[in-house]
Structure formats: C-alpha cells, structure tokens
PDB file of all heavy atoms in Angstrom:
ATOM      1  N   ALA A   1       0.834  -1.209   0.000  1.00  0.00           N
ATOM      2  CA  ALA A   1       0.000   0.000   0.000  1.00  0.00           C
ATOM      3  C   ALA A   1       0.868   1.258   0.000  1.00  0.00           C
ATOM      4  O   ALA A   1       0.570   2.219  -0.718  1.00  0.00           O
ATOM      5  CB  ALA A   1      -0.935  -0.009   1.209  1.00  0.00           C
ATOM      6  N   PHE A   2       1.934   1.267   0.808  1.00  0.00           N
ATOM      7  CA  PHE A   2       2.835   2.426   0.823  1.00  0.00           C
ATOM      8  C   PHE A   2       3.523   2.612  -0.522  1.00  0.00           C
ATOM      9  O   PHE A   2       3.670   3.742  -0.997  1.00  0.00           O
ATOM     10  CB  PHE A   2       3.882   2.299   1.921  1.00  0.00           C
ATOM     11  CG  PHE A   2       3.377   2.630   3.286  1.00  0.00           C
ATOM     12  CD1 PHE A   2       3.605   1.773   4.341  1.00  0.00           C
ATOM     13  CD2 PHE A   2       2.666   3.792   3.528  1.00  0.00           C
ATOM     14  CE1 PHE A   2       3.141   2.066   5.611  1.00  0.00           C
ATOM     15  CE2 PHE A   2       2.192   4.107   4.792  1.00  0.00           C
ATOM     16  CZ  PHE A   2       2.433   3.233   5.834  1.00  0.00           C
ATOM     17  N   ILE A   3       3.944   1.516  -1.137  1.00  0.00           N
ATOM     18  CA  ILE A   3       4.580   1.628  -2.456  1.00  0.00           C
ATOM     19  C   ILE A   3       3.582   2.137  -3.486  1.00  0.00           C
ATOM     20  O   ILE A   3       3.925   2.966  -4.336  1.00  0.00           O
ATOM     21  CB  ILE A   3       5.199   0.281  -2.887  1.00  0.00           C
ATOM     22  CG1 ILE A   3       6.389  -0.064  -1.988  1.00  0.00           C
ATOM     23  CG2 ILE A   3       5.629   0.319  -4.352  1.00  0.00           C
ATOM     24  CD1 ILE A   3       6.948  -1.452  -2.203  1.00  0.00           C
ATOM     25  N   ALA A   4       2.339   1.682  -3.408  1.00  0.00           N
ATOM     26  CA  ALA A   4       1.325   2.119  -4.372  1.00  0.00           C
ATOM     27  C   ALA A   4       0.942   3.580  -4.177  1.00  0.00           C
ATOM     28  O   ALA A   4       0.719   4.296  -5.162  1.00  0.00           O
ATOM     29  CB  ALA A   4       0.086   1.234  -4.255  1.00  0.00           C
ATOM     30  N   THR A   5       0.885   4.042  -2.929  1.00  0.00           N
ATOM     31  CA  THR A   5       0.433   5.420  -2.694  1.00  0.00           C
ATOM     32  C   THR A   5       1.569   6.436  -2.750  1.00  0.00           C
ATOM     33  O   THR A   5       1.374   7.548  -3.223  1.00  0.00           O
ATOM     34  CB  THR A   5      -0.282   5.539  -1.328  1.00  0.00           C
ATOM     35  OG1 THR A   5       0.595   5.103  -0.301  1.00  0.00           O
ATOM     36  CG2 THR A   5      -1.553   4.714  -1.318  1.00  0.00           C
ATOM     37  N   GLU A   6       2.728   6.081  -2.249  1.00  0.00           N
ATOM     38  CA  GLU A   6       3.881   6.994  -2.234  1.00  0.00           C
ATOM     39  C   GLU A   6       5.129   6.268  -2.730  1.00  0.00           C
ATOM     40  O   GLU A   6       6.067   6.034  -1.970  1.00  0.00           O
ATOM     41  CB  GLU A   6       4.127   7.524  -0.816  1.00  0.00           C
ATOM     42  CG  GLU A   6       3.057   8.438  -0.291  1.00  0.00           C
ATOM     43  CD  GLU A   6       3.007   9.762  -1.029  1.00  0.00           C
ATOM     44  OE1 GLU A   6       4.047  10.200  -1.577  1.00  0.00           O
ATOM     45  OE2 GLU A   6       1.928  10.353  -1.069  1.00  0.00           O
ATOM     46  N   PRO A   7       5.167   5.893  -4.009  1.00  0.00           N
ATOM     47  CA  PRO A   7       6.285   5.059  -4.475  1.00  0.00           C
ATOM     48  C   PRO A   7       7.642   5.744  -4.378  1.00  0.00           C
ATOM     49  O   PRO A   7       8.629   5.102  -4.027  1.00  0.00           O
ATOM     50  CB  PRO A   7       5.921   4.743  -5.919  1.00  0.00           C
ATOM     51  CG  PRO A   7       4.959   5.810  -6.328  1.00  0.00           C
ATOM     52  CD  PRO A   7       4.239   6.210  -5.080  1.00  0.00           C
ATOM     53  N   ARG A   8       7.715   7.016  -4.656  1.00  0.00           N
ATOM     54  CA  ARG A   8       9.023   7.692  -4.624  1.00  0.00           C
ATOM     55  C   ARG A   8       9.632   7.648  -3.236  1.00  0.00           C
ATOM     56  O   ARG A   8      10.795   7.298  -3.068  1.00  0.00           O
ATOM     57  CB  ARG A   8       8.884   9.134  -5.080  1.00  0.00           C
ATOM     58  CG  ARG A   8       8.631   9.254  -6.541  1.00  0.00           C
ATOM     59  CD  ARG A   8       8.545  10.678  -6.971  1.00  0.00           C
ATOM     60  NE  ARG A   8       8.372  10.679  -8.421  1.00  0.00           N
ATOM     61  CZ  ARG A   8       8.527  11.733  -9.161  1.00  0.00           C
ATOM     62  NH1 ARG A   8       8.856  12.878  -8.627  1.00  0.00           N
ATOM     63  NH2 ARG A   8       8.361  11.652 -10.459  1.00  0.00           N
ATOM     64  N   VAL A   9       8.865   7.987  -2.238  1.00  0.00           N
ATOM     65  CA  VAL A   9       9.371   8.031  -0.868  1.00  0.00           C
ATOM     66  C   VAL A   9       9.625   6.616  -0.352  1.00  0.00           C
ATOM     67  O   VAL A   9      10.673   6.335   0.236  1.00  0.00           O
ATOM     68  CB  VAL A   9       8.375   8.780   0.043  1.00  0.00           C
ATOM     69  CG1 VAL A   9       8.807   8.717   1.491  1.00  0.00           C
ATOM     70  CG2 VAL A   9       8.213  10.220  -0.416  1.00  0.00           C
ATOM     71  N   THR A  10       8.676   5.724  -0.558  1.00  0.00           N
ATOM     72  CA  THR A  10       8.786   4.363  -0.020  1.00  0.00           C
ATOM     73  C   THR A  10       9.981   3.627  -0.605  1.00  0.00           C
ATOM     74  O   THR A  10      10.727   2.976   0.131  1.00  0.00           O
ATOM     75  CB  THR A  10       7.494   3.560  -0.287  1.00  0.00           C
ATOM     76  OG1 THR A  10       6.378   4.310   0.200  1.00  0.00           O
ATOM     77  CG2 THR A  10       7.535   2.215   0.396  1.00  0.00           C
ATOM     78  N   LEU A  11      10.189   3.717  -1.912  1.00  0.00           N
ATOM     79  CA  LEU A  11      11.294   2.996  -2.534  1.00  0.00           C
ATOM     80  C   LEU A  11      12.646   3.541  -2.077  1.00  0.00           C
ATOM     81  O   LEU A  11      13.590   2.778  -1.858  1.00  0.00           O
ATOM     82  CB  LEU A  11      11.169   3.032  -4.056  1.00  0.00           C
ATOM     83  CG  LEU A  11       9.973   2.246  -4.606  1.00  0.00           C
ATOM     84  CD1 LEU A  11       9.826   2.472  -6.108  1.00  0.00           C
ATOM     85  CD2 LEU A  11      10.086   0.772  -4.294  1.00  0.00           C
ATOM     86  N   VAL A  12      12.745   4.851  -1.896  1.00  0.00           N
ATOM     87  CA  VAL A  12      13.996   5.438  -1.398  1.00  0.00           C
ATOM     88  C   VAL A  12      14.252   4.988   0.034  1.00  0.00           C
ATOM     89  O   VAL A  12      15.381   4.628   0.398  1.00  0.00           O
ATOM     90  CB  VAL A  12      13.968   6.980  -1.516  1.00  0.00           C
ATOM     91  CG1 VAL A  12      15.036   7.621  -0.665  1.00  0.00           C
ATOM     92  CG2 VAL A  12      14.137   7.402  -2.955  1.00  0.00           C
ATOM     93  N   ILE A  13      13.205   4.978   0.859  1.00  0.00           N
ATOM     94  CA  ILE A  13      13.364   4.537   2.246  1.00  0.00           C
ATOM     95  C   ILE A  13      13.800   3.077   2.291  1.00  0.00           C
ATOM     96  O   ILE A  13      14.706   2.713   3.056  1.00  0.00           O
ATOM     97  CB  ILE A  13      12.059   4.753   3.041  1.00  0.00           C
ATOM     98  CG1 ILE A  13      11.836   6.247   3.270  1.00  0.00           C
ATOM     99  CG2 ILE A  13      12.091   4.002   4.366  1.00  0.00           C
ATOM    100  CD1 ILE A  13      10.476   6.593   3.854  1.00  0.00           C
ATOM    101  N   LEU A  14      13.183   2.224   1.480  1.00  0.00           N
ATOM    102  CA  LEU A  14      13.567   0.808   1.455  1.00  0.00           C
ATOM    103  C   LEU A  14      15.011   0.624   0.978  1.00  0.00           C
ATOM    104  O   LEU A  14      15.781  -0.136   1.569  1.00  0.00           O
ATOM    105  CB  LEU A  14      12.614   0.007   0.559  1.00  0.00           C
ATOM    106  CG  LEU A  14      11.203  -0.193   1.093  1.00  0.00           C
ATOM    107  CD1 LEU A  14      10.329  -0.848   0.030  1.00  0.00           C
ATOM    108  CD2 LEU A  14      11.217  -1.024   2.360  1.00  0.00           C
ATOM    109  N   ALA A  15      15.381   1.316  -0.094  1.00  0.00           N
ATOM    110  CA  ALA A  15      16.725   1.157  -0.658  1.00  0.00           C
ATOM    111  C   ALA A  15      17.802   1.632   0.315  1.00  0.00           C
ATOM    112  O   ALA A  15      18.769   0.908   0.597  1.00  0.00           O
ATOM    113  CB  ALA A  15      16.832   1.911  -1.985  1.00  0.00           C
ATOM    114  N   TYR A  16      17.642   2.828   0.839  1.00  0.00           N
ATOM    115  CA  TYR A  16      18.645   3.360   1.748  1.00  0.00           C
ATOM    116  C   TYR A  16      18.575   2.697   3.118  1.00  0.00           C
ATOM    117  O   TYR A  16      19.577   2.610   3.825  1.00  0.00           O
ATOM    118  CB  TYR A  16      18.540   4.880   1.853  1.00  0.00           C
ATOM    119  CG  TYR A  16      19.127   5.561   0.638  1.00  0.00           C
ATOM    120  CD1 TYR A  16      18.345   5.855  -0.470  1.00  0.00           C
ATOM    121  CD2 TYR A  16      20.473   5.876   0.595  1.00  0.00           C
ATOM    122  CE1 TYR A  16      18.890   6.457  -1.592  1.00  0.00           C
ATOM    123  CE2 TYR A  16      21.030   6.478  -0.517  1.00  0.00           C
ATOM    124  CZ  TYR A  16      20.224   6.768  -1.617  1.00  0.00           C
ATOM    125  OH  TYR A  16      20.775   7.352  -2.723  1.00  0.00           O
ATOM    126  N   GLY A  17      17.389   2.220   3.483  1.00  0.00           N
ATOM    127  CA  GLY A  17      17.263   1.471   4.735  1.00  0.00           C
ATOM    128  C   GLY A  17      18.082   0.198   4.702  1.00  0.00           C
ATOM    129  O   GLY A  17      18.772  -0.145   5.672  1.00  0.00           O
ATOM    130  N   TYR A  18      18.040  -0.507   3.562  1.00  0.00           N
ATOM    131  CA  TYR A  18      18.851  -1.720   3.441  1.00  0.00           C
ATOM    132  C   TYR A  18      20.335  -1.379   3.406  1.00  0.00           C
ATOM    133  O   TYR A  18      21.148  -2.059   4.030  1.00  0.00           O
ATOM    134  CB  TYR A  18      18.466  -2.520   2.193  1.00  0.00           C
ATOM    135  CG  TYR A  18      19.200  -3.821   2.094  1.00  0.00           C
ATOM    136  CD1 TYR A  18      18.876  -4.878   2.933  1.00  0.00           C
ATOM    137  CD2 TYR A  18      20.228  -3.999   1.188  1.00  0.00           C
ATOM    138  CE1 TYR A  18      19.557  -6.088   2.868  1.00  0.00           C
ATOM    139  CE2 TYR A  18      20.913  -5.199   1.112  1.00  0.00           C
ATOM    140  CZ  TYR A  18      20.568  -6.225   1.952  1.00  0.00           C
ATOM    141  OH  TYR A  18      21.255  -7.421   1.885  1.00  0.00           O
ATOM    142  N   LEU A  19      20.685  -0.305   2.697  1.00  0.00           N
ATOM    143  CA  LEU A  19      22.090   0.108   2.645  1.00  0.00           C
ATOM    144  C   LEU A  19      22.605   0.407   4.047  1.00  0.00           C
ATOM    145  O   LEU A  19      23.683  -0.034   4.432  1.00  0.00           O
ATOM    146  CB  LEU A  19      22.232   1.338   1.746  1.00  0.00           C
ATOM    147  CG  LEU A  19      23.636   1.825   1.461  1.00  0.00           C
ATOM    148  CD1 LEU A  19      23.703   2.393   0.052  1.00  0.00           C
ATOM    149  CD2 LEU A  19      24.084   2.888   2.426  1.00  0.00           C
ATOM    150  N   LEU A  20      21.822   1.135   4.832  1.00  0.00           N
ATOM    151  CA  LEU A  20      22.244   1.509   6.180  1.00  0.00           C
ATOM    152  C   LEU A  20      22.138   0.357   7.176  1.00  0.00           C
ATOM    153  O   LEU A  20      22.808   0.374   8.208  1.00  0.00           O
ATOM    154  CB  LEU A  20      21.418   2.689   6.674  1.00  0.00           C
ATOM    155  CG  LEU A  20      21.652   4.014   5.937  1.00  0.00           C
ATOM    156  CD1 LEU A  20      20.671   5.073   6.418  1.00  0.00           C
ATOM    157  CD2 LEU A  20      23.080   4.478   6.105  1.00  0.00           C
ATOM    158  N   SER A  21      21.315  -0.644   6.887  1.00  0.00           N
ATOM    159  CA  SER A  21      21.097  -1.740   7.834  1.00  0.00           C
ATOM    160  C   SER A  21      22.392  -2.481   8.170  1.00  0.00           C
ATOM    161  O   SER A  21      22.573  -2.917   9.311  1.00  0.00           O
ATOM    162  CB  SER A  21      20.058  -2.715   7.291  1.00  0.00           C
ATOM    163  OG  SER A  21      20.575  -3.448   6.185  1.00  0.00           O
ATOM    164  N   ALA A  22      23.277  -2.621   7.213  1.00  0.00           N
ATOM    165  CA  ALA A  22      24.547  -3.310   7.485  1.00  0.00           C
ATOM    166  C   ALA A  22      25.377  -2.533   8.496  1.00  0.00           C
ATOM    167  O   ALA A  22      25.978  -3.126   9.394  1.00  0.00           O
ATOM    168  CB  ALA A  22      25.334  -3.507   6.195  1.00  0.00           C
ATOM    169  N   PHE A  23      25.390  -1.218   8.379  1.00  0.00           N
ATOM    170  CA  PHE A  23      26.169  -0.394   9.297  1.00  0.00           C
ATOM    171  C   PHE A  23      25.519  -0.345  10.677  1.00  0.00           C
ATOM    172  O   PHE A  23      26.213  -0.330  11.687  1.00  0.00           O
ATOM    173  CB  PHE A  23      26.350   1.004   8.721  1.00  0.00           C
ATOM    174  CG  PHE A  23      27.107   0.997   7.429  1.00  0.00           C
ATOM    175  CD1 PHE A  23      26.445   1.098   6.218  1.00  0.00           C
ATOM    176  CD2 PHE A  23      28.484   0.850   7.421  1.00  0.00           C
ATOM    177  CE1 PHE A  23      27.133   1.069   5.026  1.00  0.00           C
ATOM    178  CE2 PHE A  23      29.186   0.821   6.232  1.00  0.00           C
ATOM    179  CZ  PHE A  23      28.512   0.927   5.036  1.00  0.00           C
ATOM    180  N   ILE A  24      24.198  -0.316  10.710  1.00  0.00           N
ATOM    181  CA  ILE A  24      23.494  -0.335  11.993  1.00  0.00           C
ATOM    182  C   ILE A  24      23.747  -1.657  12.707  1.00  0.00           C
ATOM    183  O   ILE A  24      24.056  -1.678  13.900  1.00  0.00           O
ATOM    184  CB  ILE A  24      21.984  -0.083  11.784  1.00  0.00           C
ATOM    185  CG1 ILE A  24      21.764   1.346  11.308  1.00  0.00           C
ATOM    186  CG2 ILE A  24      21.194  -0.379  13.059  1.00  0.00           C
ATOM    187  CD1 ILE A  24      20.368   1.631  10.808  1.00  0.00           C
ATOM    188  N   GLU A  25      23.642  -2.757  11.972  1.00  0.00           N
ATOM    189  CA  GLU A  25      23.889  -4.067  12.576  1.00  0.00           C
ATOM    190  C   GLU A  25      25.344  -4.198  13.029  1.00  0.00           C
ATOM    191  O   GLU A  25      25.623  -4.764  14.089  1.00  0.00           O
ATOM    192  CB  GLU A  25      23.536  -5.173  11.590  1.00  0.00           C
ATOM    193  CG  GLU A  25      23.480  -6.531  12.225  1.00  0.00           C
ATOM    194  CD  GLU A  25      22.825  -7.576  11.354  1.00  0.00           C
ATOM    195  OE1 GLU A  25      22.153  -7.234  10.365  1.00  0.00           O
ATOM    196  OE2 GLU A  25      22.991  -8.764  11.672  1.00  0.00           O
ATOM    197  N   MET A  26      26.272  -3.650  12.259  1.00  0.00           N
ATOM    198  CA  MET A  26      27.672  -3.670  12.645  1.00  0.00           C
ATOM    199  C   MET A  26      27.894  -2.868  13.928  1.00  0.00           C
ATOM    200  O   MET A  26      28.632  -3.296  14.821  1.00  0.00           O
ATOM    201  CB  MET A  26      28.523  -3.079  11.500  1.00  0.00           C
ATOM    202  CG  MET A  26      29.887  -3.656  11.384  1.00  0.00           C
ATOM    203  SD  MET A  26      30.823  -3.183   9.896  1.00  0.00           S
ATOM    204  CE  MET A  26      30.144  -1.702   9.287  1.00  0.00           C
ATOM    205  N   GLY A  27      27.247  -1.717  14.037  1.00  0.00           N
ATOM    206  CA  GLY A  27      27.363  -0.898  15.240  1.00  0.00           C
ATOM    207  C   GLY A  27      26.774  -1.588  16.458  1.00  0.00           C
ATOM    208  O   GLY A  27      27.358  -1.558  17.547  1.00  0.00           O
ATOM    209  N   ILE A  28      25.632  -2.229  16.291  1.00  0.00           N
ATOM    210  CA  ILE A  28      25.008  -2.969  17.399  1.00  0.00           C
ATOM    211  C   ILE A  28      25.902  -4.117  17.836  1.00  0.00           C
ATOM    212  O   ILE A  28      26.084  -4.349  19.034  1.00  0.00           O
ATOM    213  CB  ILE A  28      23.605  -3.463  16.991  1.00  0.00           C
ATOM    214  CG1 ILE A  28      22.651  -2.282  16.858  1.00  0.00           C
ATOM    215  CG2 ILE A  28      23.075  -4.484  17.997  1.00  0.00           C
ATOM    216  CD1 ILE A  28      21.314  -2.632  16.235  1.00  0.00           C
ATOM    217  N   GLN A  29      26.473  -4.810  16.877  1.00  0.00           N
ATOM    218  CA  GLN A  29      27.360  -5.928  17.206  1.00  0.00           C
ATOM    219  C   GLN A  29      28.598  -5.444  17.962  1.00  0.00           C
ATOM    220  O   GLN A  29      29.018  -6.063  18.940  1.00  0.00           O
ATOM    221  CB  GLN A  29      27.762  -6.665  15.936  1.00  0.00           C
ATOM    222  CG  GLN A  29      28.502  -7.945  16.188  1.00  0.00           C
ATOM    223  CD  GLN A  29      28.795  -8.674  14.885  1.00  0.00           C
ATOM    224  OE1 GLN A  29      29.048  -8.064  13.857  1.00  0.00           O
ATOM    225  NE2 GLN A  29      28.744  -9.992  14.944  1.00  0.00           N
ATOM    226  N   ARG A  30      29.175  -4.342  17.548  1.00  0.00           N
ATOM    227  CA  ARG A  30      30.356  -3.797  18.247  1.00  0.00           C
ATOM    228  C   ARG A  30      29.991  -3.330  19.646  1.00  0.00           C
ATOM    229  O   ARG A  30      30.777  -3.478  20.585  1.00  0.00           O
ATOM    230  CB  ARG A  30      30.977  -2.666  17.448  1.00  0.00           C
ATOM    231  CG  ARG A  30      31.719  -3.156  16.248  1.00  0.00           C
ATOM    232  CD  ARG A  30      32.475  -2.069  15.565  1.00  0.00           C
ATOM    233  NE  ARG A  30      33.168  -2.619  14.410  1.00  0.00           N
ATOM    234  CZ  ARG A  30      33.793  -1.897  13.526  1.00  0.00           C
ATOM    235  NH1 ARG A  30      33.839  -0.594  13.646  1.00  0.00           N
ATOM    236  NH2 ARG A  30      34.391  -2.466  12.509  1.00  0.00           N
ATOM    237  N   LEU A  31      28.805  -2.757  19.793  1.00  0.00           N
ATOM    238  CA  LEU A  31      28.350  -2.319  21.103  1.00  0.00           C
ATOM    239  C   LEU A  31      28.178  -3.512  22.039  1.00  0.00           C
ATOM    240  O   LEU A  31      28.582  -3.467  23.199  1.00  0.00           O
ATOM    241  CB  LEU A  31      27.042  -1.537  20.972  1.00  0.00           C
ATOM    242  CG  LEU A  31      26.484  -0.907  22.234  1.00  0.00           C
ATOM    243  CD1 LEU A  31      27.458   0.138  22.772  1.00  0.00           C
ATOM    244  CD2 LEU A  31      25.133  -0.291  21.951  1.00  0.00           C
ATOM    245  N   ARG A  32      27.618  -4.592  21.537  1.00  0.00           N
ATOM    246  CA  ARG A  32      27.452  -5.808  22.339  1.00  0.00           C
ATOM    247  C   ARG A  32      28.800  -6.380  22.750  1.00  0.00           C
ATOM    248  O   ARG A  32      28.990  -6.807  23.885  1.00  0.00           O
ATOM    249  CB  ARG A  32      26.665  -6.859  21.566  1.00  0.00           C
ATOM    250  CG  ARG A  32      25.197  -6.608  21.516  1.00  0.00           C
ATOM    251  CD  ARG A  32      24.493  -7.735  20.805  1.00  0.00           C
ATOM    252  NE  ARG A  32      23.090  -7.413  20.617  1.00  0.00           N
ATOM    253  CZ  ARG A  32      22.329  -7.948  19.706  1.00  0.00           C
ATOM    254  NH1 ARG A  32      22.817  -8.857  18.876  1.00  0.00           N
ATOM    255  NH2 ARG A  32      21.063  -7.607  19.603  1.00  0.00           N
TER     256      ARG A  32
END
C-alpha cells in the first residue's frame, strides 16, 4: 500500500534502509 500510494518516498526509504542496515547491525554488534 505504501509503495502504491507513495512510491518515490517508499522505494527510497527501502533502498537506503537496506544500505544503512549493514552499518546499523555492525554498530550494534560492536556495542554488544
């Protein structure tokens, strides 16, 4: 539904969210 109603915003959030997820997970792992 989000992709259908706001594709520009949703697709950018998904793409950059995945890109950043590796760094977030790396930071969490280092913190642990």
